[in-house]
């Protein structure tokens, strides 16, 4: 019991440290300029430039600009909120699921690097998709480029957050909970999958809607916040249901393996 209490206290301390780091990152981001965010805007612009062949130039107090594509990668496009969600989700998942007390700092550092890398890749994908969508001949008075841009951003961020969580879950001991639930009964099996899909949804909505609402974003511009919240809720819940069904289908079609093997 004493060892268990010590382990629980250690996990709580590590979780508080992760939340402290996330809060510090959020605070710094709220006061950052494009120059301060060069550590994430620069690599994002470089990756987009590498994949598209379109040059991006650094503009002071703006960010990185592609004149030919009329695209600017500015602080609002940095993806820091996604990075915070990815960092908290992956780190807390590992801390919760492991009973090892060694190398907690290594877990936190590895998850921070993974969240940073995932953010650069996800944001680059979003920007590249936006470039192609702006060229598409699909727009009407109701379907505007701004709406499509917003919907695409929500979808890409949420789906990538889900994939990151499934990857973290695969290397954590919590991955075994799904297998155990499958062996016991179908209810436990589906419940475990549901929880696995709810975790990224929780973190996404927390960062995208809950924290801005607490920061009085809904008071500063109520109509804009309501419109944004409507899009976020509709798209994220639709993708959540699709993800849940896809995971069930994937696991149903996957061949059974011997106990002890990694699924």
C-alpha atoms as a PDB file:
ATOM      1  CA  UNK A   1       0.000   0.000   0.000  1.00  0.00           C
ATOM      2  CA  UNK A   2       2.860   2.352   0.854  1.00  0.00           C
ATOM      3  CA  UNK A   3       4.545   1.665  -2.486  1.00  0.00           C
ATOM      4  CA  UNK A   4       1.227   2.220  -4.264  1.00  0.00           C
ATOM      5  CA  UNK A   5       0.712   5.547  -2.496  1.00  0.00           C
ATOM      6  CA  UNK A   6       4.234   6.640  -3.398  1.00  0.00           C
ATOM      7  CA  UNK A   7       3.643   5.695  -7.026  1.00  0.00           C
ATOM      8  CA  UNK A   8       0.342   7.604  -7.082  1.00  0.00           C
ATOM      9  CA  UNK A   9       1.945  10.675  -5.509  1.00  0.00           C
ATOM     10  CA  UNK A  10       4.729  10.528  -8.090  1.00  0.00           C
ATOM     11  CA  UNK A  11       2.243  10.348 -10.944  1.00  0.00           C
ATOM     12  CA  UNK A  12       0.294  13.315  -9.574  1.00  0.00           C
ATOM     13  CA  UNK A  13       3.506  15.336  -9.290  1.00  0.00           C
ATOM     14  CA  UNK A  14       4.479  14.504 -12.870  1.00  0.00           C
ATOM     15  CA  UNK A  15       0.986  15.373 -14.135  1.00  0.00           C
ATOM     16  CA  UNK A  16       1.144  18.734 -12.371  1.00  0.00           C
ATOM     17  CA  UNK A  17       4.543  19.367 -13.952  1.00  0.00           C
ATOM     18  CA  UNK A  18       3.125  18.632 -17.411  1.00  0.00           C
ATOM     19  CA  UNK A  19       0.179  20.975 -16.840  1.00  0.00           C
ATOM     20  CA  UNK A  20       2.563  23.660 -15.560  1.00  0.00           C
ATOM     21  CA  UNK A  21       4.653  23.366 -18.739  1.00  0.00           C
ATOM     22  CA  UNK A  22       1.503  23.536 -20.877  1.00  0.00           C
ATOM     23  CA  UNK A  23       0.230  26.600 -19.014  1.00  0.00           C
ATOM     24  CA  UNK A  24       3.609  28.289 -19.435  1.00  0.00           C
ATOM     25  CA  UNK A  25       3.610  27.543 -23.148  1.00  0.00           C
ATOM     26  CA  UNK A  26       0.071  28.894 -23.493  1.00  0.00           C
ATOM     27  CA  UNK A  27       0.973  32.055 -21.572  1.00  0.00           C
ATOM     28  CA  UNK A  28       4.101  32.632 -23.664  1.00  0.00           C
ATOM     29  CA  UNK A  29       2.158  32.056 -26.881  1.00  0.00           C
ATOM     30  CA  UNK A  30      -0.465  34.648 -25.948  1.00  0.00           C
ATOM     31  CA  UNK A  31       2.276  37.277 -25.795  1.00  0.00           C
ATOM     32  CA  UNK A  32       4.478  36.119 -28.658  1.00  0.00           C
ATOM     33  CA  UNK A  33       5.220  37.841 -31.940  1.00  0.00           C
ATOM     34  CA  UNK A  34       6.169  36.204 -35.214  1.00  0.00           C
ATOM     35  CA  UNK A  35       9.814  36.663 -34.246  1.00  0.00           C
ATOM     36  CA  UNK A  36       9.265  34.845 -30.952  1.00  0.00           C
ATOM     37  CA  UNK A  37       7.589  31.945 -32.766  1.00  0.00           C
ATOM     38  CA  UNK A  38      10.303  31.483 -35.380  1.00  0.00           C
ATOM     39  CA  UNK A  39      11.167  28.147 -33.710  1.00  0.00           C
ATOM     40  CA  UNK A  40       7.904  26.672 -35.025  1.00  0.00           C
ATOM     41  CA  UNK A  41       6.929  28.977 -37.911  1.00  0.00           C
ATOM     42  CA  UNK A  42      10.343  28.561 -39.564  1.00  0.00           C
ATOM     43  CA  UNK A  43      10.349  24.731 -39.729  1.00  0.00           C
ATOM     44  CA  UNK A  44       6.717  24.757 -40.843  1.00  0.00           C
ATOM     45  CA  UNK A  45       7.478  27.169 -43.689  1.00  0.00           C
ATOM     46  CA  UNK A  46      10.551  25.136 -44.662  1.00  0.00           C
ATOM     47  CA  UNK A  47       8.566  21.894 -44.795  1.00  0.00           C
ATOM     48  CA  UNK A  48       5.776  23.480 -46.861  1.00  0.00           C
ATOM     49  CA  UNK A  49       8.385  24.964 -49.192  1.00  0.00           C
ATOM     50  CA  UNK A  50      10.112  21.579 -49.535  1.00  0.00           C
ATOM     51  CA  UNK A  51       6.879  19.725 -50.306  1.00  0.00           C
ATOM     52  CA  UNK A  52       5.335  22.290 -52.657  1.00  0.00           C
ATOM     53  CA  UNK A  53       8.387  23.917 -54.204  1.00  0.00           C
ATOM     54  CA  UNK A  54       6.925  27.337 -53.428  1.00  0.00           C
ATOM     55  CA  UNK A  55       9.412  29.721 -51.759  1.00  0.00           C
ATOM     56  CA  UNK A  56       8.509  31.352 -48.448  1.00  0.00           C
ATOM     57  CA  UNK A  57      10.254  34.518 -47.330  1.00  0.00           C
ATOM     58  CA  UNK A  58      10.495  35.748 -43.771  1.00  0.00           C
ATOM     59  CA  UNK A  59       8.787  39.095 -43.243  1.00  0.00           C
ATOM     60  CA  UNK A  60       9.404  40.988 -40.037  1.00  0.00           C
ATOM     61  CA  UNK A  61       6.374  41.296 -37.730  1.00  0.00           C
ATOM     62  CA  UNK A  62       4.330  39.086 -40.070  1.00  0.00           C
ATOM     63  CA  UNK A  63       5.818  35.614 -40.376  1.00  0.00           C
ATOM     64  CA  UNK A  64       6.647  33.679 -43.532  1.00  0.00           C
ATOM     65  CA  UNK A  65       5.060  34.733 -46.811  1.00  0.00           C
ATOM     66  CA  UNK A  66       4.699  33.131 -50.232  1.00  0.00           C
ATOM     67  CA  UNK A  67       4.016  35.937 -52.677  1.00  0.00           C
ATOM     68  CA  UNK A  68       3.213  33.614 -55.582  1.00  0.00           C
ATOM     69  CA  UNK A  69       0.621  31.672 -53.565  1.00  0.00           C
ATOM     70  CA  UNK A  70      -0.551  34.680 -51.549  1.00  0.00           C
ATOM     71  CA  UNK A  71      -0.159  32.658 -48.364  1.00  0.00           C
ATOM     72  CA  UNK A  72       1.195  33.895 -45.040  1.00  0.00           C
ATOM     73  CA  UNK A  73       2.210  31.663 -42.136  1.00  0.00           C
ATOM     74  CA  UNK A  74       1.545  33.950 -39.178  1.00  0.00           C
ATOM     75  CA  UNK A  75       1.467  33.415 -35.381  1.00  0.00           C
ATOM     76  CA  UNK A  76      -2.227  32.517 -35.542  1.00  0.00           C
ATOM     77  CA  UNK A  77      -1.296  29.647 -37.876  1.00  0.00           C
ATOM     78  CA  UNK A  78       1.503  28.311 -35.685  1.00  0.00           C
ATOM     79  CA  UNK A  79      -0.499  25.399 -34.283  1.00  0.00           C
ATOM     80  CA  UNK A  80       0.642  26.034 -30.710  1.00  0.00           C
ATOM     81  CA  UNK A  81      -2.774  25.114 -29.323  1.00  0.00           C
ATOM     82  CA  UNK A  82      -2.578  21.793 -31.151  1.00  0.00           C
ATOM     83  CA  UNK A  83       0.916  21.269 -29.779  1.00  0.00           C
ATOM     84  CA  UNK A  84      -0.284  21.901 -26.214  1.00  0.00           C
ATOM     85  CA  UNK A  85      -3.139  19.418 -26.650  1.00  0.00           C
ATOM     86  CA  UNK A  86      -0.817  16.826 -28.195  1.00  0.00           C
ATOM     87  CA  UNK A  87       1.810  17.272 -25.470  1.00  0.00           C
ATOM     88  CA  UNK A  88      -0.652  17.017 -22.576  1.00  0.00           C
ATOM     89  CA  UNK A  89      -2.549  14.118 -24.081  1.00  0.00           C
ATOM     90  CA  UNK A  90       0.489  11.991 -24.916  1.00  0.00           C
ATOM     91  CA  UNK A  91       2.423  12.722 -21.721  1.00  0.00           C
ATOM     92  CA  UNK A  92      -0.478  12.196 -19.328  1.00  0.00           C
ATOM     93  CA  UNK A  93      -1.418   8.991 -21.147  1.00  0.00           C
ATOM     94  CA  UNK A  94       2.065   7.575 -20.631  1.00  0.00           C
ATOM     95  CA  UNK A  95       2.246   8.732 -17.025  1.00  0.00           C
ATOM     96  CA  UNK A  96      -1.149   7.229 -16.231  1.00  0.00           C
ATOM     97  CA  UNK A  97      -0.544   3.921 -17.986  1.00  0.00           C
ATOM     98  CA  UNK A  98       2.954   3.101 -16.767  1.00  0.00           C
ATOM     99  CA  UNK A  99       3.916   1.804 -13.341  1.00  0.00           C
ATOM    100  CA  UNK A 100       7.587   2.506 -13.823  1.00  0.00           C
ATOM    101  CA  UNK A 101       9.118   5.224 -11.758  1.00  0.00           C
ATOM    102  CA  UNK A 102      12.316   5.527 -13.796  1.00  0.00           C
ATOM    103  CA  UNK A 103      12.981   8.226 -16.348  1.00  0.00           C
ATOM    104  CA  UNK A 104       9.817  10.372 -16.011  1.00  0.00           C
ATOM    105  CA  UNK A 105      11.746  13.365 -17.339  1.00  0.00           C
ATOM    106  CA  UNK A 106      12.630  11.324 -20.420  1.00  0.00           C
ATOM    107  CA  UNK A 107       8.938  10.580 -21.021  1.00  0.00           C
ATOM    108  CA  UNK A 108       8.075  14.262 -20.766  1.00  0.00           C
ATOM    109  CA  UNK A 109      10.923  15.302 -23.069  1.00  0.00           C
ATOM    110  CA  UNK A 110      10.098  12.599 -25.626  1.00  0.00           C
ATOM    111  CA  UNK A 111       6.426  13.597 -25.666  1.00  0.00           C
ATOM    112  CA  UNK A 112       7.335  17.272 -26.061  1.00  0.00           C
ATOM    113  CA  UNK A 113       9.539  16.452 -29.062  1.00  0.00           C
ATOM    114  CA  UNK A 114       6.817  14.205 -30.504  1.00  0.00           C
ATOM    115  CA  UNK A 115       4.169  16.913 -30.024  1.00  0.00           C
ATOM    116  CA  UNK A 116       6.431  19.518 -31.648  1.00  0.00           C
ATOM    117  CA  UNK A 117       7.203  17.265 -34.634  1.00  0.00           C
ATOM    118  CA  UNK A 118       3.554  16.316 -35.014  1.00  0.00           C
ATOM    119  CA  UNK A 119       2.556  19.983 -34.932  1.00  0.00           C
ATOM    120  CA  UNK A 120       5.001  20.966 -37.676  1.00  0.00           C
ATOM    121  CA  UNK A 121       3.869  18.074 -39.892  1.00  0.00           C
ATOM    122  CA  UNK A 122       0.155  18.580 -39.216  1.00  0.00           C
ATOM    123  CA  UNK A 123       0.326  22.323 -39.730  1.00  0.00           C
ATOM    124  CA  UNK A 124       2.287  21.879 -42.954  1.00  0.00           C
ATOM    125  CA  UNK A 125      -0.336  19.440 -44.216  1.00  0.00           C
ATOM    126  CA  UNK A 126      -3.093  21.906 -43.334  1.00  0.00           C
ATOM    127  CA  UNK A 127      -1.357  24.765 -45.150  1.00  0.00           C
ATOM    128  CA  UNK A 128      -0.657  22.676 -48.259  1.00  0.00           C
ATOM    129  CA  UNK A 129      -4.271  21.528 -48.355  1.00  0.00           C
ATOM    130  CA  UNK A 130      -5.420  25.133 -47.959  1.00  0.00           C
ATOM    131  CA  UNK A 131      -3.288  26.204 -50.921  1.00  0.00           C
ATOM    132  CA  UNK A 132      -4.935  23.583 -53.140  1.00  0.00           C
ATOM    133  CA  UNK A 133      -8.423  24.256 -51.798  1.00  0.00           C
ATOM    134  CA  UNK A 134      -8.169  27.960 -52.598  1.00  0.00           C
ATOM    135  CA  UNK A 135      -7.487  27.000 -56.213  1.00  0.00           C
ATOM    136  CA  UNK A 136     -10.460  24.635 -56.392  1.00  0.00           C
ATOM    137  CA  UNK A 137     -13.548  25.643 -58.336  1.00  0.00           C
ATOM    138  CA  UNK A 138     -16.039  24.556 -55.666  1.00  0.00           C
ATOM    139  CA  UNK A 139     -17.211  27.821 -54.169  1.00  0.00           C
ATOM    140  CA  UNK A 140     -20.671  29.353 -54.053  1.00  0.00           C
ATOM    141  CA  UNK A 141     -22.189  32.218 -52.045  1.00  0.00           C
ATOM    142  CA  UNK A 142     -22.810  29.699 -49.240  1.00  0.00           C
ATOM    143  CA  UNK A 143     -19.615  27.659 -49.601  1.00  0.00           C
ATOM    144  CA  UNK A 144     -16.873  30.235 -49.172  1.00  0.00           C
ATOM    145  CA  UNK A 145     -13.093  29.711 -49.064  1.00  0.00           C
ATOM    146  CA  UNK A 146     -13.074  30.815 -45.419  1.00  0.00           C
ATOM    147  CA  UNK A 147     -15.604  28.140 -44.421  1.00  0.00           C
ATOM    148  CA  UNK A 148     -13.785  25.391 -46.305  1.00  0.00           C
ATOM    149  CA  UNK A 149     -10.489  26.528 -44.796  1.00  0.00           C
ATOM    150  CA  UNK A 150     -11.975  26.340 -41.301  1.00  0.00           C
ATOM    151  CA  UNK A 151     -13.577  22.926 -41.852  1.00  0.00           C
ATOM    152  CA  UNK A 152     -10.367  21.499 -43.300  1.00  0.00           C
ATOM    153  CA  UNK A 153      -8.340  22.832 -40.377  1.00  0.00           C
ATOM    154  CA  UNK A 154     -10.691  21.326 -37.790  1.00  0.00           C
ATOM    155  CA  UNK A 155     -10.701  17.961 -39.564  1.00  0.00           C
ATOM    156  CA  UNK A 156      -6.928  17.760 -39.996  1.00  0.00           C
ATOM    157  CA  UNK A 157      -6.118  18.793 -36.436  1.00  0.00           C
ATOM    158  CA  UNK A 158      -8.624  16.401 -34.875  1.00  0.00           C
ATOM    159  CA  UNK A 159      -7.720  13.402 -37.050  1.00  0.00           C
ATOM    160  CA  UNK A 160      -3.985  13.904 -36.479  1.00  0.00           C
ATOM    161  CA  UNK A 161      -4.586  14.208 -32.740  1.00  0.00           C
ATOM    162  CA  UNK A 162      -6.438  10.878 -32.859  1.00  0.00           C
ATOM    163  CA  UNK A 163      -3.603   9.187 -34.743  1.00  0.00           C
ATOM    164  CA  UNK A 164      -1.084  10.541 -32.259  1.00  0.00           C
ATOM    165  CA  UNK A 165      -3.113   9.173 -29.362  1.00  0.00           C
ATOM    166  CA  UNK A 166      -3.451   5.740 -30.951  1.00  0.00           C
ATOM    167  CA  UNK A 167       0.307   5.709 -31.500  1.00  0.00           C
ATOM    168  CA  UNK A 168       1.008   6.647 -27.888  1.00  0.00           C
ATOM    169  CA  UNK A 169      -1.548   4.122 -26.693  1.00  0.00           C
ATOM    170  CA  UNK A 170       0.135   1.402 -28.713  1.00  0.00           C
ATOM    171  CA  UNK A 171       3.433   1.851 -26.881  1.00  0.00           C
ATOM    172  CA  UNK A 172       1.867   2.267 -23.449  1.00  0.00           C
ATOM    173  CA  UNK A 173       0.570  -0.334 -21.053  1.00  0.00           C
ATOM    174  CA  UNK A 174      -2.955   1.051 -21.460  1.00  0.00           C
ATOM    175  CA  UNK A 175      -2.905  -0.609 -24.868  1.00  0.00           C
ATOM    176  CA  UNK A 176      -3.462  -3.901 -23.057  1.00  0.00           C
ATOM    177  CA  UNK A 177      -6.733  -2.688 -21.562  1.00  0.00           C
ATOM    178  CA  UNK A 178      -8.483  -2.943 -24.923  1.00  0.00           C
ATOM    179  CA  UNK A 179      -7.286  -6.506 -25.445  1.00  0.00           C
ATOM    180  CA  UNK A 180      -8.346  -7.497 -21.951  1.00  0.00           C
ATOM    181  CA  UNK A 181     -11.777  -5.988 -22.512  1.00  0.00           C
ATOM    182  CA  UNK A 182     -12.118  -7.915 -25.745  1.00  0.00           C
ATOM    183  CA  UNK A 183     -11.321 -11.196 -24.014  1.00  0.00           C
ATOM    184  CA  UNK A 184     -13.798 -10.584 -21.159  1.00  0.00           C
ATOM    185  CA  UNK A 185     -16.947  -9.342 -22.890  1.00  0.00           C
ATOM    186  CA  UNK A 186     -18.148  -7.253 -25.766  1.00  0.00           C
ATOM    187  CA  UNK A 187     -19.379  -4.481 -23.487  1.00  0.00           C
ATOM    188  CA  UNK A 188     -15.911  -3.980 -22.018  1.00  0.00           C
ATOM    189  CA  UNK A 189     -14.396  -4.185 -25.488  1.00  0.00           C
ATOM    190  CA  UNK A 190     -16.598  -1.443 -26.965  1.00  0.00           C
ATOM    191  CA  UNK A 191     -16.302   0.645 -23.821  1.00  0.00           C
ATOM    192  CA  UNK A 192     -12.501   0.581 -24.070  1.00  0.00           C
ATOM    193  CA  UNK A 193     -12.596   1.635 -27.715  1.00  0.00           C
ATOM    194  CA  UNK A 194     -15.085   4.398 -26.899  1.00  0.00           C
ATOM    195  CA  UNK A 195     -12.812   5.754 -24.166  1.00  0.00           C
ATOM    196  CA  UNK A 196      -9.834   5.592 -26.536  1.00  0.00           C
ATOM    197  CA  UNK A 197     -11.708   7.750 -29.054  1.00  0.00           C
ATOM    198  CA  UNK A 198     -13.027  10.126 -26.382  1.00  0.00           C
ATOM    199  CA  UNK A 199      -9.561  11.046 -25.083  1.00  0.00           C
ATOM    200  CA  UNK A 200      -8.410  13.005 -28.192  1.00  0.00           C
ATOM    201  CA  UNK A 201     -11.892  14.530 -28.498  1.00  0.00           C
ATOM    202  CA  UNK A 202     -11.670  15.753 -24.902  1.00  0.00           C
ATOM    203  CA  UNK A 203      -8.269  17.373 -25.375  1.00  0.00           C
ATOM    204  CA  UNK A 204      -9.218  18.922 -28.702  1.00  0.00           C
ATOM    205  CA  UNK A 205     -12.402  20.521 -27.369  1.00  0.00           C
ATOM    206  CA  UNK A 206     -10.642  21.608 -24.179  1.00  0.00           C
ATOM    207  CA  UNK A 207      -7.956  23.537 -26.053  1.00  0.00           C
ATOM    208  CA  UNK A 208     -10.109  24.807 -28.934  1.00  0.00           C
ATOM    209  CA  UNK A 209     -13.326  25.745 -27.120  1.00  0.00           C
ATOM    210  CA  UNK A 210     -13.203  25.484 -23.330  1.00  0.00           C
ATOM    211  CA  UNK A 211     -10.034  27.477 -22.657  1.00  0.00           C
ATOM    212  CA  UNK A 212     -10.933  30.273 -25.131  1.00  0.00           C
ATOM    213  CA  UNK A 213     -14.376  30.478 -23.498  1.00  0.00           C
ATOM    214  CA  UNK A 214     -12.778  30.781 -20.059  1.00  0.00           C
ATOM    215  CA  UNK A 215     -10.533  33.462 -21.527  1.00  0.00           C
ATOM    216  CA  UNK A 216     -13.687  35.437 -22.433  1.00  0.00           C
ATOM    217  CA  UNK A 217     -13.431  34.834 -26.170  1.00  0.00           C
ATOM    218  CA  UNK A 218     -17.191  34.263 -26.171  1.00  0.00           C
ATOM    219  CA  UNK A 219     -17.696  37.686 -24.568  1.00  0.00           C
ATOM    220  CA  UNK A 220     -15.365  39.647 -26.842  1.00  0.00           C
ATOM    221  CA  UNK A 221     -17.070  38.466 -30.033  1.00  0.00           C
ATOM    222  CA  UNK A 222     -20.099  36.260 -29.198  1.00  0.00           C
ATOM    223  CA  UNK A 223     -21.358  35.725 -32.760  1.00  0.00           C
ATOM    224  CA  UNK A 224     -17.935  34.742 -34.107  1.00  0.00           C
ATOM    225  CA  UNK A 225     -17.304  32.398 -31.172  1.00  0.00           C
ATOM    226  CA  UNK A 226     -20.710  30.731 -31.569  1.00  0.00           C
ATOM    227  CA  UNK A 227     -20.111  30.212 -35.275  1.00  0.00           C
ATOM    228  CA  UNK A 228     -16.659  28.762 -34.616  1.00  0.00           C
ATOM    229  CA  UNK A 229     -17.978  26.545 -31.807  1.00  0.00           C
ATOM    230  CA  UNK A 230     -20.741  25.218 -34.057  1.00  0.00           C
ATOM    231  CA  UNK A 231     -18.274  24.215 -36.764  1.00  0.00           C
ATOM    232  CA  UNK A 232     -15.897  22.643 -34.244  1.00  0.00           C
ATOM    233  CA  UNK A 233     -18.606  20.617 -32.498  1.00  0.00           C
ATOM    234  CA  UNK A 234     -20.268  19.388 -35.689  1.00  0.00           C
ATOM    235  CA  UNK A 235     -17.043  18.360 -37.432  1.00  0.00           C
ATOM    236  CA  UNK A 236     -15.296  16.895 -34.381  1.00  0.00           C
ATOM    237  CA  UNK A 237     -18.308  14.832 -33.254  1.00  0.00           C
ATOM    238  CA  UNK A 238     -18.865  13.556 -36.792  1.00  0.00           C
ATOM    239  CA  UNK A 239     -15.208  12.535 -37.037  1.00  0.00           C
ATOM    240  CA  UNK A 240     -15.373  11.035 -33.547  1.00  0.00           C
ATOM    241  CA  UNK A 241     -18.233   8.735 -34.600  1.00  0.00           C
ATOM    242  CA  UNK A 242     -16.426   7.812 -37.820  1.00  0.00           C
ATOM    243  CA  UNK A 243     -13.210   7.099 -35.918  1.00  0.00           C
ATOM    244  CA  UNK A 244     -15.072   4.930 -33.407  1.00  0.00           C
ATOM    245  CA  UNK A 245     -16.673   2.867 -36.182  1.00  0.00           C
ATOM    246  CA  UNK A 246     -13.403   2.557 -38.108  1.00  0.00           C
ATOM    247  CA  UNK A 247     -11.527   1.308 -35.041  1.00  0.00           C
ATOM    248  CA  UNK A 248     -14.227  -1.299 -34.399  1.00  0.00           C
ATOM    249  CA  UNK A 249     -14.077  -2.452 -38.034  1.00  0.00           C
ATOM    250  CA  UNK A 250     -10.284  -2.531 -37.988  1.00  0.00           C
ATOM    251  CA  UNK A 251     -10.143  -4.645 -34.833  1.00  0.00           C
ATOM    252  CA  UNK A 252     -12.921  -6.932 -36.035  1.00  0.00           C
ATOM    253  CA  UNK A 253     -11.122  -7.643 -39.308  1.00  0.00           C
ATOM    254  CA  UNK A 254      -7.677  -7.955 -37.750  1.00  0.00           C
ATOM    255  CA  UNK A 255      -6.535 -11.576 -37.288  1.00  0.00           C
ATOM    256  CA  UNK A 256      -6.380 -12.775 -33.696  1.00  0.00           C
ATOM    257  CA  UNK A 257      -2.896 -13.147 -32.243  1.00  0.00           C
ATOM    258  CA  UNK A 258      -1.513 -15.299 -29.515  1.00  0.00           C
ATOM    259  CA  UNK A 259      -1.523 -13.892 -25.970  1.00  0.00           C
ATOM    260  CA  UNK A 260       1.522 -11.792 -25.265  1.00  0.00           C
ATOM    261  CA  UNK A 261       1.948 -10.610 -28.829  1.00  0.00           C
ATOM    262  CA  UNK A 262       1.663  -6.943 -29.643  1.00  0.00           C
ATOM    263  CA  UNK A 263      -1.465  -6.056 -31.579  1.00  0.00           C
END
